[in-house]
Amino acid sequence: MFRFVALYLGMLVRFFRERRTLLLENLALRQQLVALKRRHPRPSLGLFDKLFWVIARSVWSAWKHSLILVTPETVVRWHRTGFRIYWRLISRVRRPVGRRPTPKEVRKLIFRMVVENPTWGAPRIHGELRMLGFELSERTISRWMNQSPRDPDRAKRWLAFLRNHREAIAAMDLFTVPTITFGALYCFFVISHDRRRILHVNVTKHPTSGWIIQQLREAFPFGSAPRYLIFDRDAKYGLELPGTLRSLNISPVRTSFESPWQNGVAERWIESCRQDLLDHHLKRLLSEYVRYHHEDRTHLGLEKGTPERRIRSVASGRVLSQERLGGLHHRYDRAA
């Protein structure tokens, strides 16, 4: 009786289905019947059977309802395997492509020219190599120049400069702090090298060269400027900054490209600030704000109430103010 009722309901459902859906379901069931009729102890699906179900999965949304022999996960695995085989076939390359490798002899010659001629750039070295019969592009030479071994004497000279003028050196830098609204705040600071003292710090959303110059004027009032100021090649400093520093009797010292180690005191303070303050105290600040959000802050969606159902004061005493989030917000209650 139950099977008869189920068959009757199935006929009613199929009566209201679209003709395209019925044809696809019929085709799927017929394909599986063909596989079952094969003379094997266990029905096996061949390459064309797998290809059929991969195509059916792409063009038919209800393909899972008519699948009997295997699970839907198996069809998905077939599809992924075919995808890997397809890309493996079209990725086969019979001949090498791309630029020709630079011979080791030429690389050593480029490194030698860089060491022996510190003032030479890629155009000059390119001209010398052409005179020697080597055909390379100037871009290739520039790339190998960036990979040339560094002169250790330069690092020693820089470290000697930092040690000998430590009392007269300050450094400045910028670092970003992401906000909860996916924005960024820029923290600007100036630090002295002798005692690692922070001379000035400020935060802004839009750092410009004019804003940075104003911060430097506030950092060094009344002739307290150091002799040297180290900073990197950030474009936010603009072209006006070196002239402004000279007007303050400060010698601007720019670090080399991609050399944060030359401004190590400032970089170390940034790392300390992130580890000691932002990473550890951010969780505490968020916990305090969640408490303020639940217990104190009124919400328009709650008809000016709070999530923790803050009780309205009915007393007539003096209004008291309580600081929240370090004084950024306040809660007001009446004295009992």
Protein backbone atom coordinates (compact mmCIF):
# COMPACT_ATOMS: atom_id res chain seq x y z
CA MET A 1 0.00 0.00 0.00
CA PHE A 2 2.82 2.42 0.92
CA ARG A 3 4.68 1.73 -2.35
CA PHE A 4 1.48 2.37 -4.32
CA VAL A 5 0.95 5.72 -2.58
CA ALA A 6 4.62 6.69 -3.16
CA LEU A 7 4.33 5.76 -6.84
CA TYR A 8 1.13 7.77 -7.17
CA LEU A 9 2.68 10.85 -5.57
CA GLY A 10 5.76 10.50 -7.79
CA MET A 11 3.50 10.48 -10.86
CA LEU A 12 1.78 13.65 -9.68
CA VAL A 13 5.11 15.41 -9.15
CA ARG A 14 6.35 14.39 -12.59
CA PHE A 15 3.10 15.61 -14.14
CA PHE A 16 3.84 19.19 -13.01
CA ARG A 17 7.53 19.15 -13.95
CA GLU A 18 8.93 20.86 -17.02
CA ARG A 19 9.52 18.74 -20.09
CA ARG A 20 13.27 19.59 -20.12
CA THR A 21 13.72 18.32 -16.56
CA LEU A 22 11.89 15.08 -17.31
CA LEU A 23 14.00 14.46 -20.41
CA LEU A 24 17.25 15.00 -18.52
CA GLU A 25 16.12 12.72 -15.69
CA ASN A 26 15.10 10.05 -18.17
CA LEU A 27 18.45 10.31 -19.92
CA ALA A 28 20.34 10.02 -16.62
CA LEU A 29 18.41 6.93 -15.53
CA ARG A 30 18.85 5.26 -18.92
CA GLN A 31 22.60 5.83 -18.78
CA GLN A 32 22.82 4.13 -15.39
CA LEU A 33 20.68 1.20 -16.61
CA VAL A 34 23.11 0.66 -19.47
CA ALA A 35 25.96 0.53 -16.96
CA LEU A 36 24.08 -1.97 -14.77
CA LYS A 37 23.46 -4.35 -17.70
CA ARG A 38 27.16 -4.83 -18.36
CA ARG A 39 28.53 -8.27 -17.49
CA HIS A 40 30.67 -7.42 -14.48
CA PRO A 41 30.40 -8.50 -10.85
CA ARG A 42 30.23 -4.80 -9.98
CA PRO A 43 28.98 -2.21 -12.43
CA SER A 44 31.93 -0.09 -13.61
CA LEU A 45 31.72 3.35 -15.10
CA GLY A 46 33.96 4.01 -18.06
CA LEU A 47 35.46 7.22 -19.35
CA PHE A 48 32.36 8.19 -21.33
CA ASP A 49 30.13 7.49 -18.33
CA LYS A 50 32.22 9.81 -16.17
CA LEU A 51 32.25 12.44 -18.91
CA PHE A 52 28.46 12.21 -19.13
CA TRP A 53 28.00 12.97 -15.43
CA VAL A 54 30.55 15.76 -15.46
CA ILE A 55 28.63 17.44 -18.29
CA ALA A 56 25.29 16.74 -16.57
CA ARG A 57 26.58 18.42 -13.42
CA SER A 58 27.40 21.54 -15.43
CA VAL A 59 24.07 21.90 -17.31
CA TRP A 60 21.49 20.32 -14.98
CA SER A 61 20.78 21.68 -11.51
CA ALA A 62 18.86 18.60 -10.29
CA TRP A 63 21.46 16.03 -11.33
CA LYS A 64 21.95 14.75 -7.76
CA HIS A 65 18.36 13.49 -7.46
CA SER A 66 18.80 10.97 -10.30
CA LEU A 67 22.26 9.72 -9.31
CA ILE A 68 22.20 6.12 -7.99
CA LEU A 69 25.43 4.28 -8.81
CA VAL A 70 27.87 6.71 -7.17
CA THR A 71 27.74 9.59 -4.74
CA PRO A 72 27.72 13.26 -5.83
CA GLU A 73 31.14 13.69 -4.22
CA THR A 74 32.54 11.11 -6.63
CA VAL A 75 31.28 13.12 -9.63
CA VAL A 76 32.85 16.26 -8.19
CA ARG A 77 36.15 14.38 -7.81
CA TRP A 78 35.94 13.27 -11.46
CA HIS A 79 35.42 16.86 -12.51
CA ARG A 80 38.45 18.07 -10.54
CA THR A 81 40.61 15.27 -11.92
CA GLY A 82 39.61 16.16 -15.45
CA PHE A 83 40.40 19.79 -14.74
CA ARG A 84 43.93 18.88 -13.61
CA ILE A 85 44.50 16.62 -16.62
CA TYR A 86 43.30 19.34 -18.99
CA TRP A 87 45.69 21.96 -17.63
CA ARG A 88 48.54 19.47 -17.47
CA LEU A 89 48.11 18.75 -21.17
CA ILE A 90 47.93 22.35 -22.34
CA SER A 91 50.84 23.32 -20.09
CA ARG A 92 53.29 21.01 -21.79
CA VAL A 93 55.99 22.99 -23.56
CA ARG A 94 58.24 21.28 -26.06
CA ARG A 95 60.75 24.11 -26.30
CA PRO A 96 61.96 26.59 -23.69
CA VAL A 97 60.24 29.96 -23.67
CA GLY A 98 61.04 33.30 -22.11
CA ARG A 99 64.29 35.22 -21.98
CA ARG A 100 67.59 33.45 -22.45
CA PRO A 101 69.55 32.79 -19.25
CA THR A 102 72.41 35.18 -18.59
CA PRO A 103 75.77 33.38 -18.74
CA LYS A 104 77.67 33.08 -15.49
CA GLU A 105 80.66 34.86 -17.03
CA VAL A 106 78.53 37.93 -17.82
CA ARG A 107 76.99 37.95 -14.34
CA LYS A 108 80.41 37.93 -12.70
CA LEU A 109 81.53 40.74 -15.01
CA ILE A 110 78.49 42.84 -14.05
CA PHE A 111 79.18 42.31 -10.34
CA ARG A 112 82.83 43.24 -10.89
CA MET A 113 81.91 46.48 -12.67
CA VAL A 114 79.48 47.40 -9.89
CA VAL A 115 82.16 46.95 -7.20
CA GLU A 116 84.95 48.68 -9.13
CA ASN A 117 82.76 51.57 -10.31
CA PRO A 118 80.27 52.54 -7.59
CA THR A 119 78.99 55.56 -9.56
CA TRP A 120 78.12 53.60 -12.69
CA GLY A 121 74.52 52.88 -13.50
CA ALA A 122 72.92 50.34 -15.81
CA PRO A 123 73.34 52.49 -18.99
CA ARG A 124 77.10 52.84 -18.46
CA ILE A 125 77.62 49.13 -17.73
CA HIS A 126 75.41 48.27 -20.70
CA GLY A 127 77.66 50.35 -22.96
CA GLU A 128 80.82 48.68 -21.68
CA LEU A 129 79.37 45.20 -22.19
CA ARG A 130 78.35 46.06 -25.75
CA MET A 131 81.92 47.15 -26.42
CA LEU A 132 83.06 43.73 -25.20
CA GLY A 133 80.66 41.94 -27.55
CA PHE A 134 77.95 40.95 -25.05
CA GLU A 135 74.37 41.51 -26.25
CA LEU A 136 72.14 42.08 -23.23
CA SER A 137 69.32 44.47 -22.58
CA GLU A 138 69.74 47.35 -20.18
CA ARG A 139 66.82 46.04 -18.13
CA THR A 140 68.59 42.69 -17.62
CA ILE A 141 71.73 44.47 -16.43
CA SER A 142 69.70 46.57 -14.01
CA ARG A 143 68.11 43.43 -12.58
CA TRP A 144 71.49 41.76 -12.02
CA MET A 145 72.90 44.95 -10.49
CA ASN A 146 70.25 44.75 -7.77
CA GLN A 147 71.41 41.21 -6.99
CA SER A 148 75.10 42.02 -6.84
CA PRO A 149 76.91 41.29 -3.55
CA ARG A 150 76.94 44.32 -1.29
CA ASP A 151 80.14 46.01 -0.29
CA PRO A 152 80.66 45.24 3.43
CA ASP A 153 82.69 48.42 3.86
CA ARG A 154 79.61 50.54 3.21
CA ALA A 155 77.75 48.94 6.10
CA LYS A 156 80.75 49.44 8.37
CA ARG A 157 80.96 53.10 7.43
CA TRP A 158 77.26 53.60 8.14
CA LEU A 159 77.49 51.89 11.53
CA ALA A 160 80.54 54.01 12.37
CA PHE A 161 78.53 57.14 11.49
CA LEU A 162 75.69 56.08 13.80
CA ARG A 163 78.06 55.35 16.70
CA ASN A 164 80.16 58.49 16.35
CA HIS A 165 77.20 60.91 16.08
CA ARG A 166 74.67 59.13 18.29
CA GLU A 167 74.03 62.18 20.49
CA ALA A 168 73.31 64.37 17.45
CA ILE A 169 71.05 61.99 15.48
CA ALA A 170 67.27 61.69 15.44
CA ALA A 171 65.12 59.53 13.21
CA MET A 172 61.54 59.75 12.00
CA ASP A 173 59.19 57.27 10.37
CA LEU A 174 55.55 56.45 9.65
CA PHE A 175 53.68 53.22 10.27
CA THR A 176 50.08 52.24 9.70
CA VAL A 177 47.47 50.85 12.07
CA PRO A 178 44.38 49.24 10.45
CA THR A 179 41.00 50.30 11.82
CA ILE A 180 37.85 48.28 12.36
CA THR A 181 36.24 50.01 9.35
CA PHE A 182 39.01 48.71 7.03
CA GLY A 183 40.74 52.09 6.96
CA ALA A 184 44.23 53.00 8.07
CA LEU A 185 45.67 55.44 10.58
CA TYR A 186 49.19 56.76 10.08
CA CYS A 187 51.36 57.15 13.17
CA PHE A 188 54.22 59.62 12.82
CA PHE A 189 57.01 59.77 15.38
CA VAL A 190 60.48 61.21 15.93
CA ILE A 191 62.97 59.32 18.13
CA SER A 192 66.42 60.33 19.37
CA HIS A 193 69.31 57.91 19.03
CA ASP A 194 71.18 58.67 22.25
CA ARG A 195 68.52 57.69 24.83
CA ARG A 196 65.82 56.26 22.50
CA ARG A 197 63.53 59.06 23.68
CA ILE A 198 60.36 59.76 21.70
CA LEU A 199 60.54 63.45 20.82
CA HIS A 200 57.17 63.71 19.08
CA VAL A 201 54.26 61.49 18.06
CA ASN A 202 50.97 62.12 16.29
CA VAL A 203 48.29 60.27 14.33
CA THR A 204 46.41 61.21 11.16
CA LYS A 205 44.33 59.66 8.42
CA HIS A 206 45.86 61.71 5.61
CA PRO A 207 49.61 62.30 5.98
CA THR A 208 50.89 65.01 3.65
CA SER A 209 54.24 66.73 3.35
CA GLY A 210 52.80 69.91 4.86
CA TRP A 211 51.43 68.01 7.85
CA ILE A 212 54.78 66.24 8.40
CA ILE A 213 56.68 69.56 8.21
CA GLN A 214 54.36 71.01 10.86
CA GLN A 215 55.03 67.99 13.10
CA LEU A 216 58.77 68.55 12.79
CA ARG A 217 58.40 72.20 13.77
CA GLU A 218 56.49 71.09 16.87
CA ALA A 219 59.08 68.39 17.63
CA PHE A 220 62.07 70.79 17.58
CA PRO A 221 61.08 74.12 19.17
CA PHE A 222 63.49 76.91 20.17
CA GLY A 223 66.68 75.58 18.63
CA SER A 224 66.46 72.04 20.07
CA ALA A 225 66.87 70.41 16.68
CA PRO A 226 69.47 67.63 16.27
CA ARG A 227 72.29 67.87 13.80
CA TYR A 228 71.15 64.91 11.66
CA LEU A 229 67.68 63.51 10.91
CA ILE A 230 67.42 60.05 9.35
CA PHE A 231 64.37 59.10 7.31
CA ASP A 232 63.52 56.76 4.44
CA ARG A 233 62.43 57.52 0.89
CA ASP A 234 58.68 57.50 1.48
CA ALA A 235 56.86 59.63 -1.10
CA LYS A 236 54.71 61.17 1.66
CA TYR A 237 57.64 63.33 2.74
CA GLY A 238 57.49 65.22 -0.56
CA LEU A 239 60.14 67.42 -2.14
CA GLU A 240 59.82 70.28 0.34
CA LEU A 241 61.06 68.35 3.38
CA PRO A 242 64.86 68.56 2.79
CA GLY A 243 64.69 72.35 2.35
CA THR A 244 62.62 72.72 5.51
CA LEU A 245 65.11 70.63 7.50
CA ARG A 246 68.01 72.78 6.29
CA SER A 247 66.14 75.90 7.39
CA LEU A 248 66.00 74.34 10.88
CA ASN A 249 69.79 73.70 10.74
CA ILE A 250 69.22 69.97 10.38
CA SER A 251 71.16 67.85 7.87
CA PRO A 252 68.72 65.47 6.13
CA VAL A 253 70.04 61.91 5.81
CA ARG A 254 68.03 59.62 3.55
CA THR A 255 68.46 55.86 3.76
CA SER A 256 69.19 53.77 0.69
CA PHE A 257 66.46 52.08 -1.30
CA GLU A 258 65.00 49.00 0.41
CA SER A 259 67.38 49.36 3.37
CA PRO A 260 65.29 49.54 6.56
CA TRP A 261 68.33 48.39 8.58
CA GLN A 262 69.85 51.84 8.11
CA ASN A 263 67.00 53.29 10.19
CA GLY A 264 67.08 50.46 12.68
CA VAL A 265 66.29 52.53 15.79
CA ALA A 266 62.98 53.73 14.32
CA GLU A 267 62.13 50.31 12.87
CA ARG A 268 62.80 48.66 16.23
CA TRP A 269 60.48 51.11 18.00
CA ILE A 270 57.73 50.35 15.48
CA GLU A 271 58.10 46.63 16.18
CA SER A 272 58.08 47.24 19.94
CA CYS A 273 54.97 49.39 19.62
CA ARG A 274 53.15 46.68 17.69
CA GLN A 275 54.17 43.89 20.07
CA ASP A 276 53.83 45.70 23.39
CA LEU A 277 50.80 47.87 22.65
CA LEU A 278 48.73 47.02 19.61
CA ASP A 279 48.86 43.21 19.77
CA HIS A 280 48.29 42.85 23.53
CA HIS A 281 46.20 45.86 24.46
CA LEU A 282 43.86 45.70 21.47
CA LYS A 283 42.03 42.75 23.00
CA ARG A 284 41.67 44.61 26.30
CA LEU A 285 40.38 47.74 24.55
CA LEU A 286 37.88 45.68 22.57
CA SER A 287 36.68 44.01 25.77
CA GLU A 288 36.17 47.41 27.40
CA TYR A 289 34.27 48.66 24.37
CA VAL A 290 32.05 45.55 24.30
CA ARG A 291 31.23 46.16 27.96
CA TYR A 292 30.46 49.81 27.20
CA HIS A 293 28.37 48.76 24.17
CA HIS A 294 26.29 46.35 26.24
CA GLU A 295 25.86 48.24 29.49
CA ASP A 296 26.10 51.98 28.81
CA ARG A 297 25.60 52.97 25.15
CA THR A 298 22.04 53.68 24.07
CA HIS A 299 20.87 52.36 20.66
CA LEU A 300 18.31 53.80 18.30
CA GLY A 301 17.19 50.32 17.29
CA LEU A 302 16.38 49.51 20.91
CA GLU A 303 14.32 52.67 21.44
CA LYS A 304 17.25 54.40 23.21
CA GLY A 305 17.82 51.38 25.44
CA THR A 306 20.90 49.19 25.95
CA PRO A 307 21.41 45.46 25.19
CA GLU A 308 21.74 44.74 28.93
CA ARG A 309 18.46 46.62 29.64
CA ARG A 310 19.95 49.58 31.53
CA ILE A 311 17.48 50.79 34.15
CA ARG A 312 16.27 54.36 33.90
CA SER A 313 17.02 56.48 36.92
CA VAL A 314 13.97 57.72 38.82
CA ALA A 315 15.87 59.51 41.60
CA SER A 316 16.22 63.29 41.69
CA GLY A 317 19.77 63.49 42.99
CA ARG A 318 22.84 65.10 41.50
CA VAL A 319 23.99 63.88 38.07
CA LEU A 320 27.30 62.01 38.23
CA SER A 321 29.64 61.44 35.31
CA GLN A 322 31.61 58.20 34.95
CA GLU A 323 34.43 57.87 32.43
CA ARG A 324 34.36 55.06 29.90
CA LEU A 325 37.15 53.96 27.53
CA GLY A 326 39.70 56.22 29.17
CA GLY A 327 37.49 59.31 29.05
CA LEU A 328 36.56 58.95 25.37
CA HIS A 329 32.92 58.37 26.42
CA HIS A 330 30.96 58.90 29.63
CA ARG A 331 28.00 57.40 31.46
CA TYR A 332 25.68 59.60 33.46
CA ASP A 333 23.74 58.48 36.54
CA ARG A 334 21.98 60.20 39.40
CA ALA A 335 23.37 60.01 42.90
CA ALA A 336 21.36 57.82 45.25
